[in-house]
Amino acid sequence: MELGQLEPTFETLVESFVFLDKNKDGYVSKSEMIQAINETIGGERSSGRIGMKRFEEMDWDKNGTVTFKEFLFAFTRWVGIDDNEDEDDDDIE
């Protein structure tokens, strides 16, 4: 990722976390995640399962809440940022 793309990408990540954190306590709970998914998907029957799966992927320490750090790490895993960096490292050797 180019440096010029980093700031707008980070801003989008912060905005996304703030959208998920409905009660603004700095953490995303399971119910907040499901509520956010329902808002974006429009109440499809599978939205609860989708929300729970995504929540489980983000809740790395399994304490029932997601911090911004956990959210950030999960996002980089979903979009494969680490995978791209590994490929670049292989080209250098």
PDB file of N, CA and C in Angstrom:
ATOM      1  N   MET A   1       0.847  -1.169   0.000  1.00  0.00           N
ATOM      2  CA  MET A   1       0.000   0.000   0.000  1.00  0.00           C
ATOM      3  C   MET A   1       0.894   1.234   0.000  1.00  0.00           C
ATOM      4  N   GLU A   2       0.595   2.160  -0.872  1.00  0.00           N
ATOM      5  CA  GLU A   2       1.376   3.388  -0.946  1.00  0.00           C
ATOM      6  C   GLU A   2       1.064   4.285   0.237  1.00  0.00           C
ATOM      7  N   LEU A   3       2.040   5.099   0.617  1.00  0.00           N
ATOM      8  CA  LEU A   3       1.887   5.986   1.764  1.00  0.00           C
ATOM      9  C   LEU A   3       0.724   6.950   1.575  1.00  0.00           C
ATOM     10  N   GLY A   4       0.493   7.434   0.372  1.00  0.00           N
ATOM     11  CA  GLY A   4      -0.603   8.353   0.092  1.00  0.00           C
ATOM     12  C   GLY A   4      -1.968   7.738   0.331  1.00  0.00           C
ATOM     13  N   GLN A   5      -2.076   6.431   0.238  1.00  0.00           N
ATOM     14  CA  GLN A   5      -3.340   5.732   0.466  1.00  0.00           C
ATOM     15  C   GLN A   5      -3.550   5.384   1.928  1.00  0.00           C
ATOM     16  N   LEU A   6      -2.514   5.464   2.723  1.00  0.00           N
ATOM     17  CA  LEU A   6      -2.581   5.033   4.110  1.00  0.00           C
ATOM     18  C   LEU A   6      -3.531   5.884   4.951  1.00  0.00           C
ATOM     19  N   GLU A   7      -3.431   7.198   4.856  1.00  0.00           N
ATOM     20  CA  GLU A   7      -4.267   8.070   5.691  1.00  0.00           C
ATOM     21  C   GLU A   7      -5.757   7.908   5.396  1.00  0.00           C
ATOM     22  N   PRO A   8      -6.198   7.966   4.122  1.00  0.00           N
ATOM     23  CA  PRO A   8      -7.640   7.774   3.887  1.00  0.00           C
ATOM     24  C   PRO A   8      -8.123   6.373   4.266  1.00  0.00           C
ATOM     25  N   THR A   9      -7.267   5.370   4.110  1.00  0.00           N
ATOM     26  CA  THR A   9      -7.638   4.014   4.494  1.00  0.00           C
ATOM     27  C   THR A   9      -7.819   3.923   6.000  1.00  0.00           C
ATOM     28  N   PHE A  10      -6.893   4.518   6.751  1.00  0.00           N
ATOM     29  CA  PHE A  10      -6.998   4.496   8.204  1.00  0.00           C
ATOM     30  C   PHE A  10      -8.245   5.250   8.663  1.00  0.00           C
ATOM     31  N   GLU A  11      -8.542   6.381   8.030  1.00  0.00           N
ATOM     32  CA  GLU A  11      -9.746   7.145   8.374  1.00  0.00           C
ATOM     33  C   GLU A  11     -11.001   6.311   8.147  1.00  0.00           C
ATOM     34  N   THR A  12     -11.033   5.564   7.065  1.00  0.00           N
ATOM     35  CA  THR A  12     -12.174   4.695   6.775  1.00  0.00           C
ATOM     36  C   THR A  12     -12.304   3.606   7.836  1.00  0.00           C
ATOM     37  N   LEU A  13     -11.184   3.054   8.266  1.00  0.00           N
ATOM     38  CA  LEU A  13     -11.205   2.032   9.312  1.00  0.00           C
ATOM     39  C   LEU A  13     -11.738   2.606  10.622  1.00  0.00           C
ATOM     40  N   VAL A  14     -11.302   3.797  10.983  1.00  0.00           N
ATOM     41  CA  VAL A  14     -11.786   4.438  12.205  1.00  0.00           C
ATOM     42  C   VAL A  14     -13.284   4.694  12.096  1.00  0.00           C
ATOM     43  N   GLU A  15     -13.730   5.218  10.964  1.00  0.00           N
ATOM     44  CA  GLU A  15     -15.159   5.476  10.763  1.00  0.00           C
ATOM     45  C   GLU A  15     -15.965   4.185  10.853  1.00  0.00           C
ATOM     46  N   SER A  16     -15.440   3.109  10.312  1.00  0.00           N
ATOM     47  CA  SER A  16     -16.138   1.818  10.366  1.00  0.00           C
ATOM     48  C   SER A  16     -16.260   1.323  11.799  1.00  0.00           C
ATOM     49  N   PHE A  17     -15.177   1.447  12.569  1.00  0.00           N
ATOM     50  CA  PHE A  17     -15.222   1.018  13.964  1.00  0.00           C
ATOM     51  C   PHE A  17     -16.224   1.864  14.746  1.00  0.00           C
ATOM     52  N   VAL A  18     -16.217   3.165  14.514  1.00  0.00           N
ATOM     53  CA  VAL A  18     -17.158   4.060  15.199  1.00  0.00           C
ATOM     54  C   VAL A  18     -18.594   3.691  14.837  1.00  0.00           C
ATOM     55  N   PHE A  19     -18.849   3.312  13.584  1.00  0.00           N
ATOM     56  CA  PHE A  19     -20.181   2.872  13.166  1.00  0.00           C
ATOM     57  C   PHE A  19     -20.603   1.623  13.933  1.00  0.00           C
ATOM     58  N   LEU A  20     -19.682   0.699  14.137  1.00  0.00           N
ATOM     59  CA  LEU A  20     -19.999  -0.535  14.850  1.00  0.00           C
ATOM     60  C   LEU A  20     -20.198  -0.303  16.342  1.00  0.00           C
ATOM     61  N   ASP A  21     -19.453   0.634  16.903  1.00  0.00           N
ATOM     62  CA  ASP A  21     -19.490   0.912  18.346  1.00  0.00           C
ATOM     63  C   ASP A  21     -20.687   1.814  18.649  1.00  0.00           C
ATOM     64  N   LYS A  22     -21.862   1.218  18.676  1.00  0.00           N
ATOM     65  CA  LYS A  22     -23.118   1.968  18.800  1.00  0.00           C
ATOM     66  C   LYS A  22     -23.218   2.782  20.088  1.00  0.00           C
ATOM     67  N   ASN A  23     -22.728   2.254  21.203  1.00  0.00           N
ATOM     68  CA  ASN A  23     -22.847   2.984  22.471  1.00  0.00           C
ATOM     69  C   ASN A  23     -21.620   3.842  22.772  1.00  0.00           C
ATOM     70  N   LYS A  24     -20.671   3.873  21.849  1.00  0.00           N
ATOM     71  CA  LYS A  24     -19.488   4.737  21.927  1.00  0.00           C
ATOM     72  C   LYS A  24     -18.645   4.517  23.184  1.00  0.00           C
ATOM     73  N   ASP A  25     -18.505   3.243  23.605  1.00  0.00           N
ATOM     74  CA  ASP A  25     -17.684   2.948  24.777  1.00  0.00           C
ATOM     75  C   ASP A  25     -16.271   2.498  24.411  1.00  0.00           C
ATOM     76  N   GLY A  26     -15.955   2.485  23.116  1.00  0.00           N
ATOM     77  CA  GLY A  26     -14.614   2.088  22.682  1.00  0.00           C
ATOM     78  C   GLY A  26     -14.464   0.612  22.384  1.00  0.00           C
ATOM     79  N   TYR A  27     -15.548  -0.132  22.504  1.00  0.00           N
ATOM     80  CA  TYR A  27     -15.560  -1.572  22.231  1.00  0.00           C
ATOM     81  C   TYR A  27     -16.785  -1.905  21.392  1.00  0.00           C
ATOM     82  N   VAL A  28     -16.680  -2.974  20.618  1.00  0.00           N
ATOM     83  CA  VAL A  28     -17.824  -3.476  19.870  1.00  0.00           C
ATOM     84  C   VAL A  28     -18.268  -4.778  20.538  1.00  0.00           C
ATOM     85  N   SER A  29     -19.535  -4.840  20.912  1.00  0.00           N
ATOM     86  CA  SER A  29     -20.096  -6.053  21.512  1.00  0.00           C
ATOM     87  C   SER A  29     -20.790  -6.877  20.426  1.00  0.00           C
ATOM     88  N   LYS A  30     -21.160  -8.098  20.784  1.00  0.00           N
ATOM     89  CA  LYS A  30     -21.888  -8.952  19.835  1.00  0.00           C
ATOM     90  C   LYS A  30     -23.180  -8.290  19.383  1.00  0.00           C
ATOM     91  N   SER A  31     -23.922  -7.724  20.324  1.00  0.00           N
ATOM     92  CA  SER A  31     -25.204  -7.108  19.957  1.00  0.00           C
ATOM     93  C   SER A  31     -25.004  -5.886  19.059  1.00  0.00           C
ATOM     94  N   GLU A  32     -23.949  -5.110  19.297  1.00  0.00           N
ATOM     95  CA  GLU A  32     -23.668  -3.968  18.428  1.00  0.00           C
ATOM     96  C   GLU A  32     -23.309  -4.433  17.020  1.00  0.00           C
ATOM     97  N   MET A  33     -22.560  -5.509  16.933  1.00  0.00           N
ATOM     98  CA  MET A  33     -22.171  -6.052  15.636  1.00  0.00           C
ATOM     99  C   MET A  33     -23.395  -6.512  14.858  1.00  0.00           C
ATOM    100  N   ILE A  34     -24.275  -7.235  15.522  1.00  0.00           N
ATOM    101  CA  ILE A  34     -25.488  -7.713  14.859  1.00  0.00           C
ATOM    102  C   ILE A  34     -26.365  -6.539  14.448  1.00  0.00           C
ATOM    103  N   GLN A  35     -26.487  -5.539  15.317  1.00  0.00           N
ATOM    104  CA  GLN A  35     -27.278  -4.351  14.991  1.00  0.00           C
ATOM    105  C   GLN A  35     -26.713  -3.652  13.747  1.00  0.00           C
ATOM    106  N   ALA A  36     -25.403  -3.497  13.673  1.00  0.00           N
ATOM    107  CA  ALA A  36     -24.775  -2.842  12.523  1.00  0.00           C
ATOM    108  C   ALA A  36     -24.975  -3.654  11.248  1.00  0.00           C
ATOM    109  N   ILE A  37     -24.820  -4.962  11.340  1.00  0.00           N
ATOM    110  CA  ILE A  37     -25.029  -5.823  10.169  1.00  0.00           C
ATOM    111  C   ILE A  37     -26.474  -5.715   9.700  1.00  0.00           C
ATOM    112  N   ASN A  38     -27.423  -5.729  10.628  1.00  0.00           N
ATOM    113  CA  ASN A  38     -28.835  -5.603  10.268  1.00  0.00           C
ATOM    114  C   ASN A  38     -29.114  -4.277   9.568  1.00  0.00           C
ATOM    115  N   GLU A  39     -28.453  -3.218  10.009  1.00  0.00           N
ATOM    116  CA  GLU A  39     -28.642  -1.913   9.380  1.00  0.00           C
ATOM    117  C   GLU A  39     -28.129  -1.899   7.947  1.00  0.00           C
ATOM    118  N   THR A  40     -27.028  -2.564   7.709  1.00  0.00           N
ATOM    119  CA  THR A  40     -26.420  -2.516   6.380  1.00  0.00           C
ATOM    120  C   THR A  40     -26.992  -3.552   5.423  1.00  0.00           C
ATOM    121  N   ILE A  41     -27.397  -4.696   5.923  1.00  0.00           N
ATOM    122  CA  ILE A  41     -27.908  -5.756   5.060  1.00  0.00           C
ATOM    123  C   ILE A  41     -29.413  -5.618   4.851  1.00  0.00           C
ATOM    124  N   GLY A  42     -30.077  -4.938   5.734  1.00  0.00           N
ATOM    125  CA  GLY A  42     -31.509  -4.749   5.568  1.00  0.00           C
ATOM    126  C   GLY A  42     -32.345  -5.874   6.139  1.00  0.00           C
ATOM    127  N   GLY A  43     -31.856  -6.522   7.178  1.00  0.00           N
ATOM    128  CA  GLY A  43     -32.653  -7.522   7.870  1.00  0.00           C
ATOM    129  C   GLY A  43     -32.768  -8.863   7.176  1.00  0.00           C
ATOM    130  N   GLU A  44     -31.813  -9.224   6.333  1.00  0.00           N
ATOM    131  CA  GLU A  44     -31.845 -10.554   5.721  1.00  0.00           C
ATOM    132  C   GLU A  44     -31.780 -11.614   6.811  1.00  0.00           C
ATOM    133  N   ARG A  45     -32.337 -12.776   6.542  1.00  0.00           N
ATOM    134  CA  ARG A  45     -32.398 -13.835   7.553  1.00  0.00           C
ATOM    135  C   ARG A  45     -31.019 -14.279   8.030  1.00  0.00           C
ATOM    136  N   SER A  46     -30.028 -14.230   7.166  1.00  0.00           N
ATOM    137  CA  SER A  46     -28.699 -14.710   7.532  1.00  0.00           C
ATOM    138  C   SER A  46     -27.846 -13.646   8.217  1.00  0.00           C
ATOM    139  N   SER A  47     -28.373 -12.452   8.401  1.00  0.00           N
ATOM    140  CA  SER A  47     -27.546 -11.362   8.934  1.00  0.00           C
ATOM    141  C   SER A  47     -27.022 -11.651  10.334  1.00  0.00           C
ATOM    142  N   GLY A  48     -27.796 -12.318  11.181  1.00  0.00           N
ATOM    143  CA  GLY A  48     -27.335 -12.658  12.523  1.00  0.00           C
ATOM    144  C   GLY A  48     -26.154 -13.595  12.493  1.00  0.00           C
ATOM    145  N   ARG A  49     -26.213 -14.593  11.614  1.00  0.00           N
ATOM    146  CA  ARG A  49     -25.082 -15.534  11.479  1.00  0.00           C
ATOM    147  C   ARG A  49     -23.855 -14.830  10.934  1.00  0.00           C
ATOM    148  N   ILE A  50     -24.054 -13.954   9.964  1.00  0.00           N
ATOM    149  CA  ILE A  50     -22.931 -13.205   9.395  1.00  0.00           C
ATOM    150  C   ILE A  50     -22.291 -12.345  10.480  1.00  0.00           C
ATOM    151  N   GLY A  51     -23.118 -11.649  11.236  1.00  0.00           N
ATOM    152  CA  GLY A  51     -22.613 -10.802  12.310  1.00  0.00           C
ATOM    153  C   GLY A  51     -21.837 -11.583  13.341  1.00  0.00           C
ATOM    154  N   MET A  52     -22.347 -12.744  13.722  1.00  0.00           N
ATOM    155  CA  MET A  52     -21.662 -13.562  14.724  1.00  0.00           C
ATOM    156  C   MET A  52     -20.334 -14.096  14.189  1.00  0.00           C
ATOM    157  N   LYS A  53     -20.316 -14.521  12.943  1.00  0.00           N
ATOM    158  CA  LYS A  53     -19.071 -15.033  12.352  1.00  0.00           C
ATOM    159  C   LYS A  53     -18.019 -13.936  12.310  1.00  0.00           C
ATOM    160  N   ARG A  54     -18.393 -12.764  11.831  1.00  0.00           N
ATOM    161  CA  ARG A  54     -17.450 -11.645  11.769  1.00  0.00           C
ATOM    162  C   ARG A  54     -16.984 -11.258  13.173  1.00  0.00           C
ATOM    163  N   PHE A  55     -17.907 -11.264  14.125  1.00  0.00           N
ATOM    164  CA  PHE A  55     -17.546 -10.920  15.500  1.00  0.00           C
ATOM    165  C   PHE A  55     -16.529 -11.913  16.041  1.00  0.00           C
ATOM    166  N   GLU A  56     -16.768 -13.196  15.828  1.00  0.00           N
ATOM    167  CA  GLU A  56     -15.843 -14.224  16.311  1.00  0.00           C
ATOM    168  C   GLU A  56     -14.465 -14.067  15.680  1.00  0.00           C
ATOM    169  N   GLU A  57     -14.422 -13.659  14.405  1.00  0.00           N
ATOM    170  CA  GLU A  57     -13.144 -13.438  13.736  1.00  0.00           C
ATOM    171  C   GLU A  57     -12.394 -12.249  14.329  1.00  0.00           C
ATOM    172  N   MET A  58     -13.130 -11.276  14.859  1.00  0.00           N
ATOM    173  CA  MET A  58     -12.505 -10.081  15.420  1.00  0.00           C
ATOM    174  C   MET A  58     -12.138 -10.243  16.890  1.00  0.00           C
ATOM    175  N   ASP A  59     -12.898 -11.014  17.638  1.00  0.00           N
ATOM    176  CA  ASP A  59     -12.702 -11.132  19.084  1.00  0.00           C
ATOM    177  C   ASP A  59     -11.592 -12.130  19.374  1.00  0.00           C
ATOM    178  N   TRP A  60     -10.361 -11.719  19.161  1.00  0.00           N
ATOM    179  CA  TRP A  60      -9.205 -12.604  19.262  1.00  0.00           C
ATOM    180  C   TRP A  60      -8.986 -13.127  20.666  1.00  0.00           C
ATOM    181  N   ASP A  61      -9.246 -12.309  21.677  1.00  0.00           N
ATOM    182  CA  ASP A  61      -9.020 -12.775  23.049  1.00  0.00           C
ATOM    183  C   ASP A  61     -10.266 -13.421  23.654  1.00  0.00           C
ATOM    184  N   LYS A  62     -11.321 -13.525  22.874  1.00  0.00           N
ATOM    185  CA  LYS A  62     -12.569 -14.220  23.251  1.00  0.00           C
ATOM    186  C   LYS A  62     -13.172 -13.699  24.558  1.00  0.00           C
ATOM    187  N   ASN A  63     -13.114 -12.371  24.764  1.00  0.00           N
ATOM    188  CA  ASN A  63     -13.678 -11.789  25.980  1.00  0.00           C
ATOM    189  C   ASN A  63     -15.063 -11.173  25.761  1.00  0.00           C
ATOM    190  N   GLY A  64     -15.601 -11.302  24.556  1.00  0.00           N
ATOM    191  CA  GLY A  64     -16.949 -10.810  24.277  1.00  0.00           C
ATOM    192  C   GLY A  64     -17.025  -9.381  23.785  1.00  0.00           C
ATOM    193  N   THR A  65     -15.874  -8.730  23.665  1.00  0.00           N
ATOM    194  CA  THR A  65     -15.835  -7.386  23.093  1.00  0.00           C
ATOM    195  C   THR A  65     -14.659  -7.293  22.124  1.00  0.00           C
ATOM    196  N   VAL A  66     -14.766  -6.358  21.185  1.00  0.00           N
ATOM    197  CA  VAL A  66     -13.716  -6.158  20.193  1.00  0.00           C
ATOM    198  C   VAL A  66     -13.146  -4.754  20.367  1.00  0.00           C
ATOM    199  N   THR A  67     -11.840  -4.680  20.538  1.00  0.00           N
ATOM    200  CA  THR A  67     -11.165  -3.397  20.616  1.00  0.00           C
ATOM    201  C   THR A  67     -10.829  -2.930  19.199  1.00  0.00           C
ATOM    202  N   PHE A  68     -10.409  -1.678  19.086  1.00  0.00           N
ATOM    203  CA  PHE A  68     -10.008  -1.179  17.765  1.00  0.00           C
ATOM    204  C   PHE A  68      -8.821  -1.973  17.238  1.00  0.00           C
ATOM    205  N   LYS A  69      -7.895  -2.337  18.112  1.00  0.00           N
ATOM    206  CA  LYS A  69      -6.733  -3.113  17.689  1.00  0.00           C
ATOM    207  C   LYS A  69      -7.163  -4.465  17.108  1.00  0.00           C
ATOM    208  N   GLU A  70      -8.074  -5.151  17.777  1.00  0.00           N
ATOM    209  CA  GLU A  70      -8.575  -6.431  17.262  1.00  0.00           C
ATOM    210  C   GLU A  70      -9.276  -6.221  15.919  1.00  0.00           C
ATOM    211  N   PHE A  71     -10.065  -5.157  15.824  1.00  0.00           N
ATOM    212  CA  PHE A  71     -10.763  -4.824  14.580  1.00  0.00           C
ATOM    213  C   PHE A  71      -9.761  -4.589  13.453  1.00  0.00           C
ATOM    214  N   LEU A  72      -8.720  -3.835  13.742  1.00  0.00           N
ATOM    215  CA  LEU A  72      -7.706  -3.524  12.742  1.00  0.00           C
ATOM    216  C   LEU A  72      -6.989  -4.783  12.267  1.00  0.00           C
ATOM    217  N   PHE A  73      -6.593  -5.647  13.199  1.00  0.00           N
ATOM    218  CA  PHE A  73      -5.922  -6.888  12.815  1.00  0.00           C
ATOM    219  C   PHE A  73      -6.834  -7.801  11.992  1.00  0.00           C
ATOM    220  N   ALA A  74      -8.105  -7.884  12.375  1.00  0.00           N
ATOM    221  CA  ALA A  74      -9.048  -8.708  11.622  1.00  0.00           C
ATOM    222  C   ALA A  74      -9.224  -8.154  10.220  1.00  0.00           C
ATOM    223  N   PHE A  75      -9.343  -6.845  10.103  1.00  0.00           N
ATOM    224  CA  PHE A  75      -9.521  -6.230   8.790  1.00  0.00           C
ATOM    225  C   PHE A  75      -8.331  -6.523   7.879  1.00  0.00           C
ATOM    226  N   THR A  76      -7.118  -6.379   8.398  1.00  0.00           N
ATOM    227  CA  THR A  76      -5.947  -6.639   7.561  1.00  0.00           C
ATOM    228  C   THR A  76      -5.907  -8.100   7.119  1.00  0.00           C
ATOM    229  N   ARG A  77      -6.398  -8.970   7.960  1.00  0.00           N
ATOM    230  CA  ARG A  77      -6.458 -10.384   7.584  1.00  0.00           C
ATOM    231  C   ARG A  77      -7.509 -10.619   6.501  1.00  0.00           C
ATOM    232  N   TRP A  78      -8.683  -9.947   6.640  1.00  0.00           N
ATOM    233  CA  TRP A  78      -9.751 -10.112   5.648  1.00  0.00           C
ATOM    234  C   TRP A  78      -9.332  -9.639   4.270  1.00  0.00           C
ATOM    235  N   VAL A  79      -8.624  -8.522   4.209  1.00  0.00           N
ATOM    236  CA  VAL A  79      -8.272  -7.974   2.896  1.00  0.00           C
ATOM    237  C   VAL A  79      -6.910  -8.447   2.410  1.00  0.00           C
ATOM    238  N   GLY A  80      -6.185  -9.191   3.238  1.00  0.00           N
ATOM    239  CA  GLY A  80      -4.930  -9.786   2.807  1.00  0.00           C
ATOM    240  C   GLY A  80      -3.768  -8.823   2.729  1.00  0.00           C
ATOM    241  N   ILE A  81      -3.760  -7.778   3.548  1.00  0.00           N
ATOM    242  CA  ILE A  81      -2.642  -6.834   3.528  1.00  0.00           C
ATOM    243  C   ILE A  81      -1.347  -7.557   3.871  1.00  0.00           C
ATOM    244  N   ASP A  82      -1.356  -8.422   4.863  1.00  0.00           N
ATOM    245  CA  ASP A  82      -0.153  -9.160   5.239  1.00  0.00           C
ATOM    246  C   ASP A  82       0.333 -10.061   4.108  1.00  0.00           C
ATOM    247  N   ASP A  83      -0.616 -10.658   3.368  1.00  0.00           N
ATOM    248  CA  ASP A  83      -0.242 -11.533   2.263  1.00  0.00           C
ATOM    249  C   ASP A  83       0.518 -10.764   1.198  1.00  0.00           C
ATOM    250  N   ASN A  84       0.077  -9.552   0.880  1.00  0.00           N
ATOM    251  CA  ASN A  84       0.743  -8.741  -0.131  1.00  0.00           C
ATOM    252  C   ASN A  84       2.154  -8.369   0.301  1.00  0.00           C
ATOM    253  N   GLU A  85       2.327  -8.051   1.569  1.00  0.00           N
ATOM    254  CA  GLU A  85       3.645  -7.692   2.065  1.00  0.00           C
ATOM    255  C   GLU A  85       4.592  -8.876   1.992  1.00  0.00           C
ATOM    256  N   ASP A  86       4.103 -10.092   2.269  1.00  0.00           N
ATOM    257  CA  ASP A  86       4.941 -11.280   2.186  1.00  0.00           C
ATOM    258  C   ASP A  86       5.424 -11.508   0.758  1.00  0.00           C
ATOM    259  N   GLU A  87       4.534 -11.279  -0.210  1.00  0.00           N
ATOM    260  CA  GLU A  87       4.915 -11.443  -1.604  1.00  0.00           C
ATOM    261  C   GLU A  87       5.991 -10.446  -1.988  1.00  0.00           C
ATOM    262  N   ASP A  88       5.865  -9.201  -1.516  1.00  0.00           N
ATOM    263  CA  ASP A  88       6.874  -8.189  -1.812  1.00  0.00           C
ATOM    264  C   ASP A  88       8.220  -8.571  -1.216  1.00  0.00           C
ATOM    265  N   ASP A  89       8.216  -9.125  -0.001  1.00  0.00           N
ATOM    266  CA  ASP A  89       9.450  -9.550   0.638  1.00  0.00           C
ATOM    267  C   ASP A  89      10.134 -10.646  -0.157  1.00  0.00           C
ATOM    268  N   ASP A  90       9.354 -11.543  -0.750  1.00  0.00           N
ATOM    269  CA  ASP A  90       9.921 -12.628  -1.534  1.00  0.00           C
ATOM    270  C   ASP A  90      10.633 -12.092  -2.783  1.00  0.00           C
ATOM    271  N   ASP A  91      10.103 -11.011  -3.343  1.00  0.00           N
ATOM    272  CA  ASP A  91      10.700 -10.423  -4.534  1.00  0.00           C
ATOM    273  C   ASP A  91      12.042  -9.784  -4.241  1.00  0.00           C
ATOM    274  N   ILE A  92      12.234  -9.322  -3.013  1.00  0.00           N
ATOM    275  CA  ILE A  92      13.451  -8.626  -2.642  1.00  0.00           C
ATOM    276  C   ILE A  92      14.615  -9.592  -2.507  1.00  0.00           C
ATOM    277  N   GLU A  93      14.348 -10.781  -2.040  1.00  0.00           N
ATOM    278  CA  GLU A  93      15.435 -11.753  -1.770  1.00  0.00           C
ATOM    279  C   GLU A  93      16.101 -12.224  -2.989  1.00  0.00           C
TER     280      GLU A  93
END
